[in-house]
Amino acid sequence: MLDFWKKEEPKQEDDDDPVTKLMKQTGCLDLHHQVQYCIAERKDWRLCQEEVKKFRSCMDAYNARRKESLK
């Protein structure tokens, strides 16, 4: 019998965002947030090159691991 009175677990906000889901899978979510924060603070992505380089390096490493696992 279904329990219609049972409250459904609230979803975490992150679960609704497909970008967040993908970034969690890559292991680069924190670096992604650092890039977003820097751009929001400085209003110019060109001033965030250090953060962008770290994020890109993380994504390159993820893509290399993924490519290797598909062989």
C-alpha atoms as a PDB file:
ATOM      1  CA  MET A   1       0.000   0.000   0.000  1.00  0.00           C
ATOM      2  CA  LEU A   2       1.288   3.464  -0.873  1.00  0.00           C
ATOM      3  CA  ASP A   3       1.838   5.909   1.919  1.00  0.00           C
ATOM      4  CA  PHE A   4       0.378   9.148   0.570  1.00  0.00           C
ATOM      5  CA  TRP A   5       1.224  11.020   3.765  1.00  0.00           C
ATOM      6  CA  LYS A   6       4.903  10.308   3.602  1.00  0.00           C
ATOM      7  CA  LYS A   7       6.879  13.426   2.770  1.00  0.00           C
ATOM      8  CA  GLU A   8       9.212  13.248  -0.171  1.00  0.00           C
ATOM      9  CA  GLU A   9      12.882  13.927   0.526  1.00  0.00           C
ATOM     10  CA  PRO A  10      13.760  17.431  -0.626  1.00  0.00           C
ATOM     11  CA  LYS A  11      16.086  17.474  -3.603  1.00  0.00           C
ATOM     12  CA  GLN A  12      19.394  19.183  -3.253  1.00  0.00           C
ATOM     13  CA  GLU A  13      19.634  22.202  -5.517  1.00  0.00           C
ATOM     14  CA  ASP A  14      22.819  20.846  -7.120  1.00  0.00           C
ATOM     15  CA  ASP A  15      20.970  17.752  -8.333  1.00  0.00           C
ATOM     16  CA  ASP A  16      18.811  19.909 -10.588  1.00  0.00           C
ATOM     17  CA  ASP A  17      21.708  21.560 -12.380  1.00  0.00           C
ATOM     18  CA  PRO A  18      23.133  19.456 -15.226  1.00  0.00           C
ATOM     19  CA  VAL A  19      26.375  21.467 -15.301  1.00  0.00           C
ATOM     20  CA  THR A  20      26.974  20.769 -11.616  1.00  0.00           C
ATOM     21  CA  LYS A  21      26.313  17.061 -12.182  1.00  0.00           C
ATOM     22  CA  LEU A  22      28.845  16.959 -15.010  1.00  0.00           C
ATOM     23  CA  MET A  23      31.448  18.927 -13.077  1.00  0.00           C
ATOM     24  CA  LYS A  24      31.104  16.564 -10.107  1.00  0.00           C
ATOM     25  CA  GLN A  25      31.793  13.632 -12.423  1.00  0.00           C
ATOM     26  CA  THR A  26      34.972  15.252 -13.715  1.00  0.00           C
ATOM     27  CA  GLY A  27      36.321  16.061 -10.270  1.00  0.00           C
ATOM     28  CA  CYS A  28      36.773  19.691 -11.339  1.00  0.00           C
ATOM     29  CA  LEU A  29      33.745  21.217  -9.596  1.00  0.00           C
ATOM     30  CA  ASP A  30      35.746  23.280  -7.089  1.00  0.00           C
ATOM     31  CA  LEU A  31      37.919  24.727  -9.847  1.00  0.00           C
ATOM     32  CA  HIS A  32      34.804  25.478 -11.900  1.00  0.00           C
ATOM     33  CA  HIS A  33      33.401  27.405  -8.941  1.00  0.00           C
ATOM     34  CA  GLN A  34      36.680  29.298  -8.565  1.00  0.00           C
ATOM     35  CA  VAL A  35      36.477  30.414 -12.196  1.00  0.00           C
ATOM     36  CA  GLN A  36      32.848  31.476 -11.779  1.00  0.00           C
ATOM     37  CA  TYR A  37      33.621  33.378  -8.585  1.00  0.00           C
ATOM     38  CA  CYS A  38      36.607  35.146 -10.143  1.00  0.00           C
ATOM     39  CA  ILE A  39      34.594  36.224 -13.176  1.00  0.00           C
ATOM     40  CA  ALA A  40      31.763  37.461 -10.965  1.00  0.00           C
ATOM     41  CA  GLU A  41      34.175  39.452  -8.814  1.00  0.00           C
ATOM     42  CA  ARG A  42      36.335  40.920 -11.557  1.00  0.00           C
ATOM     43  CA  LYS A  43      33.673  41.209 -14.286  1.00  0.00           C
ATOM     44  CA  ASP A  44      36.258  40.165 -16.899  1.00  0.00           C
ATOM     45  CA  TRP A  45      37.288  36.563 -17.561  1.00  0.00           C
ATOM     46  CA  ARG A  46      40.633  37.739 -18.954  1.00  0.00           C
ATOM     47  CA  LEU A  47      41.633  38.744 -15.433  1.00  0.00           C
ATOM     48  CA  CYS A  48      41.040  35.167 -14.244  1.00  0.00           C
ATOM     49  CA  GLN A  49      43.666  33.390 -16.324  1.00  0.00           C
ATOM     50  CA  GLU A  50      45.245  31.558 -13.374  1.00  0.00           C
ATOM     51  CA  GLU A  51      41.886  30.056 -12.373  1.00  0.00           C
ATOM     52  CA  VAL A  52      41.039  29.235 -15.996  1.00  0.00           C
ATOM     53  CA  LYS A  53      44.412  27.481 -16.479  1.00  0.00           C
ATOM     54  CA  LYS A  54      43.898  25.321 -13.379  1.00  0.00           C
ATOM     55  CA  PHE A  55      40.374  24.414 -14.483  1.00  0.00           C
ATOM     56  CA  ARG A  56      41.516  23.622 -18.011  1.00  0.00           C
ATOM     57  CA  SER A  57      44.329  21.431 -16.689  1.00  0.00           C
ATOM     58  CA  CYS A  58      41.848  19.513 -14.546  1.00  0.00           C
ATOM     59  CA  MET A  59      39.481  19.036 -17.490  1.00  0.00           C
ATOM     60  CA  ASP A  60      42.349  17.950 -19.770  1.00  0.00           C
ATOM     61  CA  ALA A  61      43.379  15.343 -17.187  1.00  0.00           C
ATOM     62  CA  TYR A  62      39.778  14.129 -16.885  1.00  0.00           C
ATOM     63  CA  ASN A  63      39.435  13.851 -20.669  1.00  0.00           C
ATOM     64  CA  ALA A  64      42.716  11.924 -20.903  1.00  0.00           C
ATOM     65  CA  ARG A  65      41.559   9.472 -18.208  1.00  0.00           C
ATOM     66  CA  ARG A  66      38.187   9.091 -19.914  1.00  0.00           C
ATOM     67  CA  LYS A  67      39.782   8.520 -23.317  1.00  0.00           C
ATOM     68  CA  GLU A  68      42.121   5.912 -21.826  1.00  0.00           C
ATOM     69  CA  SER A  69      39.238   4.082 -20.133  1.00  0.00           C
ATOM     70  CA  LEU A  70      37.330   3.853 -23.428  1.00  0.00           C
ATOM     71  CA  LYS A  71      40.157   1.958 -25.148  1.00  0.00           C
END
